[in-house]
């Protein structure tokens, strides 16, 4: 659907059907790989460093408005997870860990990251948007949680920590009473 090239410090995105250039954007640094994905009306492009897992340049492009809505800072292995129900927020994942990773929320009206935190990356408990742009995700609560038995330190794949569900709504965080036991490496 789209062709992405990066030469002479300029990334160019072209519609592969009609060969029309959608946009060009300048960047600094050397890249080894181009990553991209489409999420509804948003196109995400990241130029990945040749030396690290960091992005050299990452942007979010609004296909409907035909404009770049966000130029993101350097992130470790960035990816878009989802878009909020109102389409006002883009949820980003970053990091390389199998357990705890980075979570960022980009406000597409300002093009800025409005929230960043660590979250538990677990296939069964991925961050989920609900109506009203409420985001539920899990954080590592540790081995000792009030009202729960102390978890043992272990490395055998059995639960070794508690995670707590957290609610993000319009920039405010609220811990819920939902805890689960999981194994984190």
Protein backbone atom coordinates (compact mmCIF):
# COMPACT_ATOMS: atom_id res chain seq x y z
CA UNK A 1 0.00 0.00 0.00
CA UNK A 2 2.90 2.37 0.81
CA UNK A 3 6.52 2.46 -0.22
CA UNK A 4 8.96 3.96 2.27
CA UNK A 5 12.48 4.98 1.36
CA UNK A 6 15.16 6.83 3.28
CA UNK A 7 18.04 8.49 1.47
CA UNK A 8 20.21 11.55 2.07
CA UNK A 9 18.57 12.19 5.46
CA UNK A 10 15.07 12.30 3.94
CA UNK A 11 12.37 9.70 4.45
CA UNK A 12 9.83 9.56 1.61
CA UNK A 13 6.47 7.79 1.75
CA UNK A 14 4.75 7.05 -1.55
CA UNK A 15 1.33 5.57 -2.28
CA UNK A 16 2.28 2.34 -4.08
CA UNK A 17 -0.97 2.31 -6.11
CA UNK A 18 -0.61 5.66 -7.85
CA UNK A 19 3.07 6.44 -7.07
CA UNK A 20 2.08 9.79 -5.53
CA UNK A 21 4.39 11.07 -2.78
CA UNK A 22 2.43 11.42 0.45
CA UNK A 23 5.18 13.18 2.35
CA UNK A 24 8.87 13.72 2.86
CA UNK A 25 10.49 14.34 6.22
CA UNK A 26 14.11 14.97 7.19
CA UNK A 27 16.02 13.02 9.83
CA UNK A 28 19.53 12.78 11.27
CA UNK A 29 21.54 9.63 11.78
CA UNK A 30 22.11 6.32 10.10
CA UNK A 31 19.46 3.65 9.98
CA UNK A 32 19.53 -0.08 9.24
CA UNK A 33 15.85 -0.93 8.96
CA UNK A 34 12.51 0.74 8.26
CA UNK A 35 9.54 -0.37 10.36
CA UNK A 36 5.99 0.62 9.57
CA UNK A 37 2.39 -0.20 10.36
CA UNK A 38 -1.11 1.14 9.68
CA UNK A 39 -3.65 1.62 12.47
CA UNK A 40 -6.94 2.88 11.11
CA UNK A 41 -6.19 6.31 9.71
CA UNK A 42 -2.68 6.47 11.19
CA UNK A 43 0.53 5.38 9.49
CA UNK A 44 3.49 4.76 11.79
CA UNK A 45 7.04 4.85 10.39
CA UNK A 46 10.26 4.25 12.35
CA UNK A 47 13.80 4.31 11.05
CA UNK A 48 15.74 1.92 13.26
CA UNK A 49 19.40 2.47 14.19
CA UNK A 50 22.14 0.28 12.75
CA UNK A 51 23.97 0.13 16.10
CA UNK A 52 21.21 -0.20 18.72
CA UNK A 53 17.52 -1.09 19.01
CA UNK A 54 16.68 2.62 19.17
CA UNK A 55 14.75 4.53 16.57
CA UNK A 56 16.61 7.23 14.64
CA UNK A 57 13.36 8.86 13.54
CA UNK A 58 9.70 7.96 14.24
CA UNK A 59 6.59 9.66 12.95
CA UNK A 60 2.82 9.21 12.96
CA UNK A 61 1.07 10.35 9.80
CA UNK A 62 -2.68 10.98 9.56
CA UNK A 63 -3.87 9.44 6.27
CA UNK A 64 -7.19 11.31 6.45
CA UNK A 65 -5.74 14.78 7.14
CA UNK A 66 -2.66 14.05 5.00
CA UNK A 67 -0.26 15.45 7.55
CA UNK A 68 2.41 14.38 10.01
CA UNK A 69 0.82 14.58 13.44
CA UNK A 70 3.74 13.52 15.62
CA UNK A 71 7.52 13.33 15.46
CA UNK A 72 8.51 11.11 18.33
CA UNK A 73 11.70 11.16 20.42
CA UNK A 74 14.21 8.34 20.24
CA UNK A 75 12.53 5.19 21.56
CA UNK A 76 13.79 1.66 22.10
CA UNK A 77 12.19 -0.63 19.50
CA UNK A 78 8.96 1.44 19.12
CA UNK A 79 5.65 0.03 17.90
CA UNK A 80 2.03 1.15 17.85
CA UNK A 81 -0.25 -1.07 19.94
CA UNK A 82 -3.62 0.56 19.32
CA UNK A 83 -5.67 3.71 18.84
CA UNK A 84 -8.20 4.97 21.39
CA UNK A 85 -11.95 4.75 20.63
CA UNK A 86 -12.11 8.52 19.97
CA UNK A 87 -8.99 8.29 17.78
CA UNK A 88 -7.43 11.05 19.89
CA UNK A 89 -4.68 8.87 21.38
CA UNK A 90 -2.17 6.43 19.94
CA UNK A 91 -0.77 3.83 22.33
CA UNK A 92 2.93 3.07 21.82
CA UNK A 93 5.06 0.20 23.10
CA UNK A 94 8.83 0.40 23.49
CA UNK A 95 11.57 -1.83 24.80
CA UNK A 96 12.98 -5.29 24.26
CA UNK A 97 12.17 -6.99 27.56
CA UNK A 98 9.87 -9.97 27.67
CA UNK A 99 8.29 -8.82 30.94
CA UNK A 100 8.32 -5.09 31.69
CA UNK A 101 8.21 -2.63 28.79
CA UNK A 102 7.57 1.04 28.10
CA UNK A 103 4.08 2.38 27.43
CA UNK A 104 3.52 5.84 25.93
CA UNK A 105 0.33 7.64 24.98
CA UNK A 106 0.57 10.13 22.11
CA UNK A 107 -2.12 12.82 21.89
CA UNK A 108 -2.66 13.22 18.15
CA UNK A 109 -4.15 16.71 18.58
CA UNK A 110 -0.86 18.04 20.00
CA UNK A 111 1.59 15.50 18.55
CA UNK A 112 3.10 15.06 22.00
CA UNK A 113 3.57 12.13 24.33
CA UNK A 114 1.18 12.89 27.19
CA UNK A 115 1.98 9.87 29.35
CA UNK A 116 4.78 7.33 29.75
CA UNK A 117 5.15 4.47 32.21
CA UNK A 118 6.36 0.91 32.58
CA UNK A 119 3.81 -1.85 32.02
CA UNK A 120 3.65 -5.63 32.13
CA UNK A 121 3.85 -7.11 28.64
CA UNK A 122 1.82 -10.30 28.73
CA UNK A 123 -0.06 -11.71 25.72
CA UNK A 124 -3.15 -12.44 27.83
CA UNK A 125 -3.19 -9.06 29.58
CA UNK A 126 -2.42 -6.50 26.91
CA UNK A 127 -3.43 -2.85 27.46
CA UNK A 128 -7.06 -2.31 26.42
CA UNK A 129 -9.00 0.82 25.57
CA UNK A 130 -12.58 1.10 26.82
CA UNK A 131 -15.20 3.71 25.97
CA UNK A 132 -14.45 7.25 27.06
CA UNK A 133 -10.75 6.79 26.20
CA UNK A 134 -10.10 4.81 29.35
CA UNK A 135 -7.01 2.62 29.14
CA UNK A 136 -6.57 -0.40 31.38
CA UNK A 137 -3.14 -2.00 31.73
CA UNK A 138 -1.08 -3.87 34.31
CA UNK A 139 1.98 -2.86 36.33
CA UNK A 140 4.34 -4.96 38.42
CA UNK A 141 3.14 -4.64 42.03
CA UNK A 142 5.96 -6.74 43.47
CA UNK A 143 6.06 -9.85 45.63
CA UNK A 144 4.54 -8.24 48.73
CA UNK A 145 1.02 -6.83 48.28
CA UNK A 146 -1.24 -5.90 51.25
CA UNK A 147 -3.84 -8.59 51.94
CA UNK A 148 -2.10 -11.21 49.77
CA UNK A 149 0.43 -13.88 50.73
CA UNK A 150 4.08 -13.01 50.05
CA UNK A 151 5.26 -14.43 46.70
CA UNK A 152 8.41 -16.55 46.67
CA UNK A 153 11.38 -15.55 44.56
CA UNK A 154 11.50 -18.19 41.85
CA UNK A 155 12.77 -18.80 38.35
CA UNK A 156 10.88 -21.96 37.35
CA UNK A 157 8.05 -20.39 35.33
CA UNK A 158 5.57 -20.44 38.23
CA UNK A 159 4.07 -17.13 39.48
CA UNK A 160 6.69 -14.97 41.21
CA UNK A 161 5.06 -11.54 41.37
CA UNK A 162 1.74 -9.74 41.61
CA UNK A 163 0.57 -7.37 38.93
CA UNK A 164 -2.04 -4.68 39.48
CA UNK A 165 -4.51 -3.36 36.96
CA UNK A 166 -4.26 0.40 36.47
CA UNK A 167 -6.70 2.81 34.81
CA UNK A 168 -5.50 5.80 32.79
CA UNK A 169 -8.19 8.35 31.98
CA UNK A 170 -7.45 11.80 30.61
CA UNK A 171 -4.02 11.93 32.21
CA UNK A 172 -5.01 10.59 35.61
CA UNK A 173 -3.96 7.20 36.98
CA UNK A 174 -6.01 5.10 39.33
CA UNK A 175 -4.97 1.73 40.73
CA UNK A 176 -7.78 -0.81 40.70
CA UNK A 177 -8.31 -3.61 43.22
CA UNK A 178 -7.57 -6.20 40.53
CA UNK A 179 -4.39 -8.18 41.19
CA UNK A 180 -3.12 -11.25 39.38
CA UNK A 181 -0.24 -13.63 39.97
CA UNK A 182 2.15 -14.11 37.06
CA UNK A 183 5.69 -15.15 36.28
CA UNK A 184 8.09 -12.42 35.11
CA UNK A 185 11.63 -13.30 34.08
